[in-house]
Amino acid sequence: MKFSNVRLLVQDYKKCFKFYTEKLGFEPVWGDEDGCYASFKVAEGIEGFAIFVSDYMAPSVGNSNKIQPTDCREKMMVSFEVENVDDTYQAFLKKDISFINEPTDMPDWGMRVVHLRDPEENLIEFFTPLAAK
């Protein structure tokens, strides 16, 4: 078995595409803002993150009559390791990105983290491992 990607199923594809490319600076490897699916490079030579229109996925899994939940606790989170979470935080603040919290050491997790949401309220974490003591 080989891992392919994490794919967020979104309602407003164009808005999400612009967020991930223009705000977070992800490079699309496949797809564009006028499509319904895009995958993004997450590291040198590695894809692993994608977005897809939810309404196109629902029929294939028998969920056409169901709506996406809102106002509920997260069931998933997308997490990205960055070189320096504080630098990433400051750079994204300059792009008018709102964060849920400020960079925080989480010693029990072994990392420094910061969290935000994309336009569809998907939870995103950026982290940097804490130095071993």
N, C-alpha and C. Protein backbone atom coordinates (compact mmCIF):
# COMPACT_ATOMS: atom_id res chain seq x y z
N MET A 1 0.85 -1.17 0.00
CA MET A 1 0.00 0.00 0.00
C MET A 1 0.90 1.24 0.00
N LYS A 2 0.49 2.27 -0.72
CA LYS A 2 1.26 3.50 -0.81
C LYS A 2 0.34 4.69 -0.52
N PHE A 3 0.75 5.54 0.40
CA PHE A 3 -0.04 6.74 0.72
C PHE A 3 -0.07 7.66 -0.50
N SER A 4 -1.26 8.24 -0.78
CA SER A 4 -1.40 9.15 -1.91
C SER A 4 -1.53 10.59 -1.45
N ASN A 5 -2.64 10.91 -0.72
CA ASN A 5 -2.82 12.29 -0.29
C ASN A 5 -3.92 12.40 0.75
N VAL A 6 -3.98 13.56 1.37
CA VAL A 6 -5.11 13.96 2.18
C VAL A 6 -5.90 14.90 1.29
N ARG A 7 -7.17 14.64 1.12
CA ARG A 7 -8.02 15.44 0.23
C ARG A 7 -9.16 16.06 1.03
N LEU A 8 -9.19 17.38 1.06
CA LEU A 8 -10.30 18.07 1.69
C LEU A 8 -11.44 18.20 0.69
N LEU A 9 -12.62 17.83 1.12
CA LEU A 9 -13.81 17.96 0.27
C LEU A 9 -14.46 19.28 0.61
N VAL A 10 -14.49 20.18 -0.36
CA VAL A 10 -14.89 21.57 -0.12
C VAL A 10 -16.11 21.95 -0.94
N GLN A 11 -16.82 22.95 -0.46
CA GLN A 11 -17.98 23.45 -1.20
C GLN A 11 -17.58 24.60 -2.12
N ASP A 12 -16.80 25.54 -1.62
CA ASP A 12 -16.38 26.68 -2.44
C ASP A 12 -14.94 26.44 -2.90
N TYR A 13 -14.82 25.66 -3.97
CA TYR A 13 -13.52 25.24 -4.48
C TYR A 13 -12.63 26.44 -4.82
N LYS A 14 -13.16 27.40 -5.55
CA LYS A 14 -12.35 28.53 -6.01
C LYS A 14 -11.79 29.32 -4.81
N LYS A 15 -12.62 29.57 -3.81
CA LYS A 15 -12.18 30.31 -2.63
C LYS A 15 -11.08 29.53 -1.90
N CYS A 16 -11.24 28.22 -1.79
CA CYS A 16 -10.24 27.39 -1.12
C CYS A 16 -8.95 27.32 -1.94
N PHE A 17 -9.08 27.19 -3.26
CA PHE A 17 -7.91 27.16 -4.12
C PHE A 17 -7.09 28.44 -3.94
N LYS A 18 -7.77 29.58 -3.94
CA LYS A 18 -7.07 30.86 -3.77
C LYS A 18 -6.42 30.95 -2.39
N PHE A 19 -7.09 30.46 -1.35
CA PHE A 19 -6.52 30.48 -0.01
C PHE A 19 -5.22 29.69 0.03
N TYR A 20 -5.25 28.46 -0.47
CA TYR A 20 -4.07 27.61 -0.38
C TYR A 20 -2.94 28.08 -1.29
N THR A 21 -3.26 28.69 -2.44
CA THR A 21 -2.20 29.16 -3.34
C THR A 21 -1.75 30.58 -2.99
N GLU A 22 -2.70 31.51 -2.87
CA GLU A 22 -2.34 32.91 -2.67
C GLU A 22 -1.97 33.24 -1.23
N LYS A 23 -2.66 32.68 -0.28
CA LYS A 23 -2.40 32.99 1.13
C LYS A 23 -1.28 32.11 1.71
N LEU A 24 -1.42 30.77 1.55
CA LEU A 24 -0.43 29.88 2.13
C LEU A 24 0.75 29.63 1.20
N GLY A 25 0.60 29.96 -0.09
CA GLY A 25 1.72 29.82 -1.02
C GLY A 25 1.97 28.42 -1.52
N PHE A 26 0.97 27.53 -1.45
CA PHE A 26 1.15 26.17 -1.96
C PHE A 26 1.21 26.20 -3.48
N GLU A 27 2.07 25.37 -4.03
CA GLU A 27 2.22 25.27 -5.48
C GLU A 27 1.34 24.15 -6.02
N PRO A 28 0.37 24.50 -6.90
CA PRO A 28 -0.46 23.43 -7.47
C PRO A 28 0.38 22.56 -8.41
N VAL A 29 0.22 21.27 -8.28
CA VAL A 29 0.89 20.32 -9.16
C VAL A 29 -0.07 19.89 -10.25
N TRP A 30 -1.34 19.84 -9.91
CA TRP A 30 -2.38 19.46 -10.86
C TRP A 30 -3.62 20.28 -10.55
N GLY A 31 -4.26 20.81 -11.58
CA GLY A 31 -5.50 21.56 -11.41
C GLY A 31 -5.25 23.06 -11.34
N ASP A 32 -6.34 23.81 -11.45
CA ASP A 32 -6.27 25.27 -11.37
C ASP A 32 -7.52 25.79 -10.70
N GLU A 33 -7.62 27.11 -10.56
CA GLU A 33 -8.73 27.68 -9.81
C GLU A 33 -10.08 27.52 -10.50
N ASP A 34 -10.09 27.22 -11.78
CA ASP A 34 -11.35 27.04 -12.50
C ASP A 34 -11.81 25.60 -12.56
N GLY A 35 -11.10 24.71 -11.92
CA GLY A 35 -11.45 23.29 -11.96
C GLY A 35 -12.29 22.86 -10.77
N CYS A 36 -12.18 21.57 -10.46
CA CYS A 36 -12.91 21.01 -9.32
C CYS A 36 -12.00 20.18 -8.44
N TYR A 37 -10.74 19.99 -8.87
CA TYR A 37 -9.76 19.21 -8.12
C TYR A 37 -8.39 19.83 -8.32
N ALA A 38 -7.63 19.91 -7.25
CA ALA A 38 -6.24 20.34 -7.34
C ALA A 38 -5.42 19.61 -6.30
N SER A 39 -4.20 19.26 -6.69
CA SER A 39 -3.25 18.71 -5.72
C SER A 39 -2.09 19.68 -5.62
N PHE A 40 -1.46 19.67 -4.46
CA PHE A 40 -0.41 20.65 -4.16
C PHE A 40 0.86 19.95 -3.71
N LYS A 41 1.97 20.58 -4.03
CA LYS A 41 3.27 20.11 -3.57
C LYS A 41 3.41 20.51 -2.10
N VAL A 42 3.75 19.55 -1.26
CA VAL A 42 3.89 19.83 0.17
C VAL A 42 5.35 19.78 0.62
N ALA A 43 6.20 19.22 -0.21
CA ALA A 43 7.64 19.17 0.05
C ALA A 43 8.31 18.92 -1.29
N GLU A 44 9.58 19.09 -1.35
CA GLU A 44 10.29 18.93 -2.62
C GLU A 44 10.00 17.56 -3.22
N GLY A 45 9.37 17.58 -4.39
CA GLY A 45 9.06 16.34 -5.10
C GLY A 45 7.93 15.52 -4.52
N ILE A 46 7.20 16.07 -3.55
CA ILE A 46 6.14 15.30 -2.88
C ILE A 46 4.81 16.03 -2.95
N GLU A 47 3.83 15.34 -3.52
CA GLU A 47 2.46 15.81 -3.39
C GLU A 47 1.92 15.16 -2.13
N GLY A 48 0.74 15.50 -1.72
CA GLY A 48 0.19 14.85 -0.55
C GLY A 48 -1.01 15.57 0.01
N PHE A 49 -1.38 16.69 -0.62
CA PHE A 49 -2.51 17.47 -0.15
C PHE A 49 -3.33 17.89 -1.36
N ALA A 50 -4.65 17.74 -1.28
CA ALA A 50 -5.51 18.06 -2.41
C ALA A 50 -6.84 18.60 -1.92
N ILE A 51 -7.53 19.30 -2.82
CA ILE A 51 -8.92 19.74 -2.56
C ILE A 51 -9.78 19.26 -3.72
N PHE A 52 -11.04 18.99 -3.42
CA PHE A 52 -11.98 18.45 -4.41
C PHE A 52 -13.38 18.93 -4.04
N VAL A 53 -14.19 19.20 -5.02
CA VAL A 53 -15.55 19.66 -4.78
C VAL A 53 -16.36 18.54 -4.11
N SER A 54 -16.88 18.83 -2.94
CA SER A 54 -17.62 17.85 -2.16
C SER A 54 -18.82 17.26 -2.92
N ASP A 55 -19.53 18.10 -3.64
CA ASP A 55 -20.72 17.62 -4.35
C ASP A 55 -20.39 16.59 -5.43
N TYR A 56 -19.16 16.58 -5.91
CA TYR A 56 -18.75 15.59 -6.91
C TYR A 56 -18.35 14.27 -6.26
N MET A 57 -17.94 14.31 -5.02
CA MET A 57 -17.54 13.10 -4.31
C MET A 57 -18.73 12.38 -3.70
N ALA A 58 -19.71 13.15 -3.23
CA ALA A 58 -20.85 12.58 -2.49
C ALA A 58 -21.57 11.44 -3.21
N PRO A 59 -21.89 11.56 -4.51
CA PRO A 59 -22.60 10.46 -5.16
C PRO A 59 -21.82 9.14 -5.17
N SER A 60 -20.50 9.23 -5.25
CA SER A 60 -19.71 8.00 -5.33
C SER A 60 -19.68 7.22 -4.02
N VAL A 61 -20.02 7.88 -2.91
CA VAL A 61 -20.06 7.18 -1.62
C VAL A 61 -21.47 7.16 -1.02
N GLY A 62 -22.47 7.48 -1.84
CA GLY A 62 -23.86 7.39 -1.41
C GLY A 62 -24.31 8.47 -0.45
N ASN A 63 -23.69 9.66 -0.51
CA ASN A 63 -24.04 10.73 0.42
C ASN A 63 -24.67 11.95 -0.24
N SER A 64 -25.24 11.79 -1.41
CA SER A 64 -25.80 12.94 -2.13
C SER A 64 -26.89 13.65 -1.35
N ASN A 65 -27.61 12.94 -0.52
CA ASN A 65 -28.72 13.53 0.22
C ASN A 65 -28.31 14.10 1.58
N LYS A 66 -27.02 14.07 1.90
CA LYS A 66 -26.54 14.58 3.19
C LYS A 66 -25.80 15.89 2.98
N ILE A 67 -25.82 16.73 4.02
CA ILE A 67 -25.10 18.00 3.95
C ILE A 67 -23.81 17.89 4.76
N GLN A 68 -22.86 18.77 4.47
CA GLN A 68 -21.65 18.80 5.27
C GLN A 68 -21.97 19.40 6.63
N PRO A 69 -21.42 18.83 7.70
CA PRO A 69 -21.71 19.36 9.03
C PRO A 69 -21.08 20.73 9.27
N THR A 70 -21.76 21.52 10.06
CA THR A 70 -21.21 22.79 10.51
C THR A 70 -21.41 22.87 12.01
N ASP A 71 -20.71 23.79 12.66
CA ASP A 71 -20.84 23.96 14.11
C ASP A 71 -20.65 22.67 14.87
N CYS A 72 -19.59 21.94 14.52
CA CYS A 72 -19.31 20.71 15.26
C CYS A 72 -17.82 20.66 15.58
N ARG A 73 -17.48 19.81 16.46
CA ARG A 73 -16.08 19.63 16.83
C ARG A 73 -15.33 18.98 15.66
N GLU A 74 -14.05 19.34 15.51
CA GLU A 74 -13.27 18.81 14.40
C GLU A 74 -13.14 17.30 14.48
N LYS A 75 -13.18 16.67 13.31
CA LYS A 75 -12.91 15.25 13.21
C LYS A 75 -11.58 15.00 12.54
N MET A 76 -10.99 16.06 11.98
CA MET A 76 -9.71 15.93 11.32
C MET A 76 -8.98 17.26 11.34
N MET A 77 -7.68 17.17 11.09
CA MET A 77 -6.85 18.36 11.03
C MET A 77 -5.74 18.07 10.03
N VAL A 78 -5.35 19.08 9.28
CA VAL A 78 -4.21 18.96 8.38
C VAL A 78 -3.03 19.61 9.07
N SER A 79 -1.92 18.89 9.16
CA SER A 79 -0.76 19.36 9.90
C SER A 79 0.45 19.43 8.97
N PHE A 80 1.18 20.57 9.04
CA PHE A 80 2.36 20.77 8.21
C PHE A 80 3.54 21.14 9.10
N GLU A 81 4.65 20.43 8.94
CA GLU A 81 5.88 20.79 9.64
C GLU A 81 6.54 21.93 8.87
N VAL A 82 6.95 22.95 9.58
CA VAL A 82 7.65 24.09 8.99
C VAL A 82 8.99 24.26 9.69
N GLU A 83 9.89 24.98 9.03
CA GLU A 83 11.23 25.17 9.58
C GLU A 83 11.20 25.94 10.90
N ASN A 84 10.37 26.99 10.95
CA ASN A 84 10.27 27.80 12.16
C ASN A 84 8.84 28.30 12.27
N VAL A 85 8.10 27.78 13.22
CA VAL A 85 6.68 28.11 13.34
C VAL A 85 6.46 29.60 13.62
N ASP A 86 7.36 30.22 14.36
CA ASP A 86 7.21 31.65 14.66
C ASP A 86 7.38 32.49 13.40
N ASP A 87 8.37 32.15 12.57
CA ASP A 87 8.57 32.87 11.31
C ASP A 87 7.38 32.67 10.38
N THR A 88 6.88 31.45 10.32
CA THR A 88 5.71 31.15 9.48
C THR A 88 4.51 31.96 9.95
N TYR A 89 4.29 31.99 11.24
CA TYR A 89 3.19 32.76 11.83
C TYR A 89 3.30 34.24 11.44
N GLN A 90 4.48 34.82 11.62
CA GLN A 90 4.66 36.24 11.30
C GLN A 90 4.46 36.51 9.80
N ALA A 91 4.96 35.63 8.95
CA ALA A 91 4.81 35.81 7.50
C ALA A 91 3.34 35.75 7.10
N PHE A 92 2.57 34.84 7.70
CA PHE A 92 1.16 34.72 7.33
C PHE A 92 0.32 35.84 7.93
N LEU A 93 0.72 36.37 9.07
CA LEU A 93 0.01 37.54 9.61
C LEU A 93 0.09 38.70 8.62
N LYS A 94 1.22 38.85 7.95
CA LYS A 94 1.39 39.91 6.96
C LYS A 94 0.50 39.71 5.73
N LYS A 95 0.01 38.48 5.55
CA LYS A 95 -0.90 38.17 4.44
C LYS A 95 -2.36 38.20 4.91
N ASP A 96 -2.60 38.81 6.08
CA ASP A 96 -3.94 38.93 6.66
C ASP A 96 -4.60 37.59 6.95
N ILE A 97 -3.81 36.62 7.33
CA ILE A 97 -4.36 35.33 7.75
C ILE A 97 -4.63 35.41 9.24
N SER A 98 -5.82 34.99 9.64
CA SER A 98 -6.21 34.98 11.05
C SER A 98 -5.88 33.62 11.66
N PHE A 99 -5.36 33.65 12.86
CA PHE A 99 -5.01 32.43 13.58
C PHE A 99 -5.94 32.23 14.76
N ILE A 100 -6.09 31.00 15.17
CA ILE A 100 -6.89 30.64 16.35
C ILE A 100 -6.10 30.96 17.61
N ASN A 101 -4.79 30.75 17.54
CA ASN A 101 -3.93 30.97 18.69
C ASN A 101 -2.59 31.51 18.21
N GLU A 102 -1.69 31.74 19.14
CA GLU A 102 -0.33 32.17 18.82
C GLU A 102 0.59 30.96 18.97
N PRO A 103 1.79 31.01 18.37
CA PRO A 103 2.71 29.88 18.53
C PRO A 103 2.91 29.54 20.01
N THR A 104 2.79 28.26 20.31
CA THR A 104 2.82 27.78 21.68
C THR A 104 3.64 26.50 21.77
N ASP A 105 4.52 26.43 22.76
CA ASP A 105 5.24 25.18 23.01
C ASP A 105 4.28 24.15 23.61
N MET A 106 4.33 22.96 23.08
CA MET A 106 3.55 21.84 23.60
C MET A 106 4.56 20.74 23.95
N PRO A 107 5.20 20.84 25.14
CA PRO A 107 6.26 19.90 25.50
C PRO A 107 5.83 18.43 25.46
N ASP A 108 4.59 18.15 25.87
CA ASP A 108 4.12 16.76 25.84
C ASP A 108 3.98 16.23 24.41
N TRP A 109 3.81 17.12 23.46
CA TRP A 109 3.70 16.74 22.04
C TRP A 109 5.07 16.77 21.36
N GLY A 110 6.04 17.45 22.00
CA GLY A 110 7.36 17.57 21.41
C GLY A 110 7.43 18.57 20.27
N MET A 111 6.52 19.55 20.30
CA MET A 111 6.51 20.51 19.20
C MET A 111 5.99 21.87 19.64
N ARG A 112 6.28 22.87 18.82
CA ARG A 112 5.73 24.21 18.96
C ARG A 112 4.70 24.33 17.85
N VAL A 113 3.49 24.79 18.17
CA VAL A 113 2.37 24.75 17.23
C VAL A 113 1.65 26.09 17.12
N VAL A 114 0.95 26.25 16.01
CA VAL A 114 0.01 27.35 15.83
C VAL A 114 -1.10 26.82 14.93
N HIS A 115 -2.33 27.33 15.12
CA HIS A 115 -3.48 26.81 14.38
C HIS A 115 -4.27 27.91 13.69
N LEU A 116 -4.88 27.55 12.58
CA LEU A 116 -5.75 28.44 11.83
C LEU A 116 -6.81 27.60 11.14
N ARG A 117 -7.72 28.28 10.47
CA ARG A 117 -8.77 27.59 9.70
C ARG A 117 -8.75 28.11 8.27
N ASP A 118 -9.10 27.22 7.34
CA ASP A 118 -9.22 27.66 5.95
C ASP A 118 -10.60 28.26 5.74
N PRO A 119 -10.95 28.70 4.54
CA PRO A 119 -12.26 29.35 4.32
C PRO A 119 -13.46 28.47 4.66
N GLU A 120 -13.28 27.16 4.74
CA GLU A 120 -14.40 26.27 5.07
C GLU A 120 -14.28 25.70 6.47
N GLU A 121 -13.50 26.36 7.31
CA GLU A 121 -13.35 26.02 8.73
C GLU A 121 -12.54 24.74 8.97
N ASN A 122 -11.83 24.22 7.97
CA ASN A 122 -10.95 23.08 8.20
C ASN A 122 -9.79 23.53 9.08
N LEU A 123 -9.47 22.73 10.08
CA LEU A 123 -8.41 23.05 11.02
C LEU A 123 -7.04 22.72 10.43
N ILE A 124 -6.12 23.69 10.51
CA ILE A 124 -4.77 23.53 9.99
C ILE A 124 -3.79 23.82 11.12
N GLU A 125 -2.77 22.98 11.21
CA GLU A 125 -1.72 23.16 12.19
C GLU A 125 -0.39 23.31 11.47
N PHE A 126 0.41 24.28 11.91
CA PHE A 126 1.81 24.38 11.52
C PHE A 126 2.61 24.08 12.78
N PHE A 127 3.68 23.29 12.64
CA PHE A 127 4.46 22.95 13.81
C PHE A 127 5.95 22.86 13.49
N THR A 128 6.73 23.04 14.52
CA THR A 128 8.17 22.83 14.48
C THR A 128 8.51 21.95 15.66
N PRO A 129 9.28 20.86 15.45
CA PRO A 129 9.66 20.04 16.59
C PRO A 129 10.47 20.85 17.60
N LEU A 130 10.23 20.57 18.87
CA LEU A 130 11.03 21.19 19.93
C LEU A 130 12.38 20.49 19.98
N ALA A 131 13.42 21.26 20.30
CA ALA A 131 14.76 20.68 20.42
C ALA A 131 14.78 19.69 21.58
N ALA A 132 15.42 18.56 21.35
CA ALA A 132 15.54 17.55 22.42
C ALA A 132 16.42 18.09 23.52
N LYS A 133 16.02 17.82 24.76
CA LYS A 133 16.78 18.31 25.92
C LYS A 133 17.50 17.19 26.61
